[in-house]
């Protein structure tokens, strides 16, 4: 579907509903295409794998080990 800038301004909410339904809309000024309204990509929830480890290490995880006392 193609609309003029004036039509897009006047009927923006209606055009957004069509875009939400999957339609792509071209906006033109005179005979020149100036913009395209298209559905945004679907964003899936992504796990933060490094954040999953938060709180799982003991506070002294980097303390010297007793087994290595002879080597220091």
N, C-alpha and C. Protein backbone atom coordinates (compact mmCIF):
# COMPACT_ATOMS: atom_id res chain seq x y z
N UNK A 1 0.84 -1.16 0.00
CA UNK A 1 0.00 0.00 0.00
C UNK A 1 0.89 1.24 0.00
N UNK A 2 0.50 2.24 -0.75
CA UNK A 2 1.23 3.51 -0.79
C UNK A 2 0.29 4.64 -0.40
N UNK A 3 0.81 5.56 0.42
CA UNK A 3 0.03 6.72 0.84
C UNK A 3 0.90 7.96 0.73
N UNK A 4 0.25 9.11 0.67
CA UNK A 4 1.00 10.37 0.66
C UNK A 4 1.36 10.74 2.09
N UNK A 5 2.27 11.70 2.23
CA UNK A 5 2.65 12.18 3.56
C UNK A 5 1.43 12.71 4.28
N UNK A 6 0.59 13.45 3.59
CA UNK A 6 -0.61 14.01 4.20
C UNK A 6 -1.55 12.89 4.68
N UNK A 7 -1.75 11.86 3.87
CA UNK A 7 -2.60 10.73 4.28
C UNK A 7 -2.00 10.01 5.49
N UNK A 8 -0.68 9.86 5.48
CA UNK A 8 -0.01 9.19 6.60
C UNK A 8 -0.21 9.98 7.89
N UNK A 9 -0.08 11.30 7.79
CA UNK A 9 -0.26 12.16 8.96
C UNK A 9 -1.70 12.09 9.47
N UNK A 10 -2.64 12.12 8.56
CA UNK A 10 -4.05 12.12 8.92
C UNK A 10 -4.51 10.79 9.50
N UNK A 11 -4.00 9.69 8.96
CA UNK A 11 -4.49 8.35 9.33
C UNK A 11 -3.40 7.48 9.97
N UNK A 12 -2.50 8.11 10.72
CA UNK A 12 -1.35 7.38 11.24
C UNK A 12 -1.74 6.18 12.10
N UNK A 13 -2.69 6.36 13.00
CA UNK A 13 -3.11 5.24 13.87
C UNK A 13 -3.66 4.08 13.06
N UNK A 14 -4.44 4.38 12.06
CA UNK A 14 -5.01 3.34 11.20
C UNK A 14 -3.89 2.62 10.44
N UNK A 15 -2.91 3.38 9.97
CA UNK A 15 -1.79 2.76 9.25
C UNK A 15 -0.98 1.86 10.18
N UNK A 16 -0.78 2.30 11.42
CA UNK A 16 -0.04 1.46 12.37
C UNK A 16 -0.75 0.15 12.64
N UNK A 17 -2.07 0.18 12.70
CA UNK A 17 -2.81 -1.08 12.89
C UNK A 17 -2.56 -2.03 11.72
N UNK A 18 -2.50 -1.48 10.51
CA UNK A 18 -2.24 -2.33 9.34
C UNK A 18 -0.82 -2.89 9.39
N UNK A 19 0.12 -2.06 9.82
CA UNK A 19 1.51 -2.52 9.94
C UNK A 19 1.60 -3.61 11.01
N UNK A 20 0.90 -3.43 12.12
CA UNK A 20 0.89 -4.46 13.17
C UNK A 20 0.32 -5.78 12.65
N UNK A 21 -0.55 -5.69 11.66
CA UNK A 21 -1.14 -6.90 11.07
C UNK A 21 -0.20 -7.52 10.03
N UNK A 22 0.96 -6.90 9.80
CA UNK A 22 1.94 -7.48 8.89
C UNK A 22 2.12 -6.78 7.56
N UNK A 23 1.38 -5.73 7.32
CA UNK A 23 1.45 -5.03 6.04
C UNK A 23 2.60 -4.03 6.04
N UNK A 24 3.19 -3.80 4.87
CA UNK A 24 4.21 -2.78 4.69
C UNK A 24 3.58 -1.61 3.94
N UNK A 25 3.85 -0.40 4.40
CA UNK A 25 3.26 0.78 3.80
C UNK A 25 4.36 1.73 3.35
N UNK A 26 4.26 2.18 2.11
CA UNK A 26 5.21 3.13 1.54
C UNK A 26 4.59 4.52 1.64
N UNK A 27 5.38 5.47 2.13
CA UNK A 27 4.93 6.85 2.21
C UNK A 27 5.68 7.64 1.15
N UNK A 28 4.92 8.40 0.37
CA UNK A 28 5.56 9.17 -0.70
C UNK A 28 5.19 10.64 -0.61
N UNK A 29 6.11 11.45 -1.09
CA UNK A 29 5.89 12.89 -1.22
C UNK A 29 5.86 13.15 -2.71
N UNK A 30 4.68 13.43 -3.22
CA UNK A 30 4.54 13.56 -4.68
C UNK A 30 4.76 12.20 -5.31
N UNK A 31 5.72 12.13 -6.22
CA UNK A 31 6.02 10.86 -6.88
C UNK A 31 7.21 10.13 -6.26
N UNK A 32 7.81 10.74 -5.24
CA UNK A 32 9.02 10.16 -4.62
C UNK A 32 8.68 9.40 -3.35
N UNK A 33 9.16 8.18 -3.28
CA UNK A 33 9.01 7.39 -2.05
C UNK A 33 9.99 7.94 -1.02
N UNK A 34 9.49 8.26 0.17
CA UNK A 34 10.36 8.85 1.18
C UNK A 34 10.51 7.99 2.44
N UNK A 35 9.60 7.06 2.66
CA UNK A 35 9.69 6.23 3.87
C UNK A 35 8.91 4.95 3.69
N UNK A 36 9.26 3.98 4.51
CA UNK A 36 8.54 2.71 4.52
C UNK A 36 8.20 2.38 5.97
N UNK A 37 6.95 2.09 6.21
CA UNK A 37 6.52 1.59 7.51
C UNK A 37 6.39 0.08 7.37
N UNK A 38 7.11 -0.64 8.19
CA UNK A 38 7.03 -2.09 8.13
C UNK A 38 7.05 -2.64 9.55
N UNK A 39 6.55 -3.86 9.72
CA UNK A 39 6.52 -4.44 11.06
C UNK A 39 7.93 -4.55 11.64
N UNK A 40 8.05 -4.26 12.92
CA UNK A 40 9.33 -4.40 13.61
C UNK A 40 9.64 -5.88 13.78
N UNK A 41 10.92 -6.25 13.78
CA UNK A 41 11.26 -7.65 13.99
C UNK A 41 10.80 -8.12 15.37
N UNK A 42 10.43 -9.37 15.45
CA UNK A 42 10.00 -9.94 16.72
C UNK A 42 11.22 -10.13 17.60
N UNK A 43 11.15 -9.62 18.81
CA UNK A 43 12.26 -9.74 19.75
C UNK A 43 11.96 -10.89 20.70
N UNK A 44 12.86 -11.84 20.72
CA UNK A 44 12.70 -12.96 21.65
C UNK A 44 13.54 -12.68 22.88
N UNK A 45 13.09 -13.20 24.00
CA UNK A 45 13.84 -12.99 25.24
C UNK A 45 15.14 -13.77 25.16
N UNK A 46 16.24 -13.08 25.42
CA UNK A 46 17.54 -13.72 25.39
C UNK A 46 18.08 -13.84 26.80
N UNK A 47 18.60 -15.00 27.11
CA UNK A 47 19.20 -15.20 28.42
C UNK A 47 20.58 -14.57 28.47
N UNK A 48 20.90 -13.98 29.59
CA UNK A 48 22.24 -13.45 29.81
C UNK A 48 23.03 -14.57 30.48
N UNK A 49 23.77 -15.33 29.68
CA UNK A 49 24.43 -16.52 30.23
C UNK A 49 25.43 -16.18 31.33
N UNK A 50 26.10 -15.07 31.23
CA UNK A 50 27.07 -14.73 32.27
C UNK A 50 26.35 -14.29 33.53
N UNK A 51 25.23 -13.67 33.39
CA UNK A 51 24.46 -13.25 34.56
C UNK A 51 23.87 -14.42 35.33
N UNK A 52 23.74 -15.57 34.68
CA UNK A 52 23.21 -16.75 35.35
C UNK A 52 24.12 -17.22 36.48
N UNK A 53 25.39 -16.85 36.43
CA UNK A 53 26.34 -17.30 37.45
C UNK A 53 26.41 -16.36 38.65
N UNK A 54 25.72 -15.26 38.60
CA UNK A 54 25.78 -14.28 39.69
C UNK A 54 25.42 -14.94 41.02
N UNK A 55 26.28 -14.73 42.01
CA UNK A 55 26.02 -15.27 43.34
C UNK A 55 26.39 -16.73 43.52
N UNK A 56 26.93 -17.38 42.50
CA UNK A 56 27.23 -18.81 42.62
C UNK A 56 28.67 -19.09 43.04
N UNK A 57 29.52 -18.08 43.06
CA UNK A 57 30.91 -18.27 43.49
C UNK A 57 31.06 -17.80 44.93
N UNK A 58 31.81 -18.54 45.75
CA UNK A 58 32.01 -18.09 47.13
C UNK A 58 32.86 -16.82 47.16
N UNK A 59 32.74 -16.06 48.24
CA UNK A 59 33.49 -14.81 48.36
C UNK A 59 35.00 -15.02 48.32
N UNK A 60 35.48 -16.17 48.78
CA UNK A 60 36.92 -16.42 48.83
C UNK A 60 37.41 -17.29 47.66
N UNK A 61 36.72 -17.25 46.55
CA UNK A 61 37.10 -18.13 45.43
C UNK A 61 38.51 -17.86 44.92
N UNK A 62 39.02 -16.65 45.12
CA UNK A 62 40.36 -16.34 44.61
C UNK A 62 41.41 -16.30 45.73
N UNK A 63 41.06 -16.78 46.91
CA UNK A 63 42.02 -16.84 48.02
C UNK A 63 43.04 -17.94 47.73
N UNK A 64 44.27 -17.77 48.21
CA UNK A 64 45.29 -18.80 47.98
C UNK A 64 44.87 -20.14 48.59
N UNK A 65 45.17 -21.20 47.89
CA UNK A 65 44.84 -22.54 48.37
C UNK A 65 45.92 -23.02 49.33
N UNK A 66 45.51 -23.70 50.39
CA UNK A 66 46.45 -24.22 51.38
C UNK A 66 47.43 -25.20 50.74
N UNK A 67 47.00 -25.94 49.73
CA UNK A 67 47.86 -26.92 49.07
C UNK A 67 49.07 -26.28 48.39
N UNK A 68 48.98 -25.01 48.07
CA UNK A 68 50.07 -24.35 47.36
C UNK A 68 50.92 -23.46 48.27
N UNK A 69 50.73 -23.54 49.57
CA UNK A 69 51.46 -22.69 50.51
C UNK A 69 52.97 -22.91 50.39
N UNK A 70 53.40 -24.14 50.10
CA UNK A 70 54.83 -24.44 49.98
C UNK A 70 55.47 -23.77 48.78
N UNK A 71 54.70 -23.36 47.80
CA UNK A 71 55.24 -22.81 46.56
C UNK A 71 55.29 -21.28 46.55
N UNK A 72 54.81 -20.65 47.59
CA UNK A 72 54.79 -19.18 47.56
C UNK A 72 55.93 -18.58 48.32
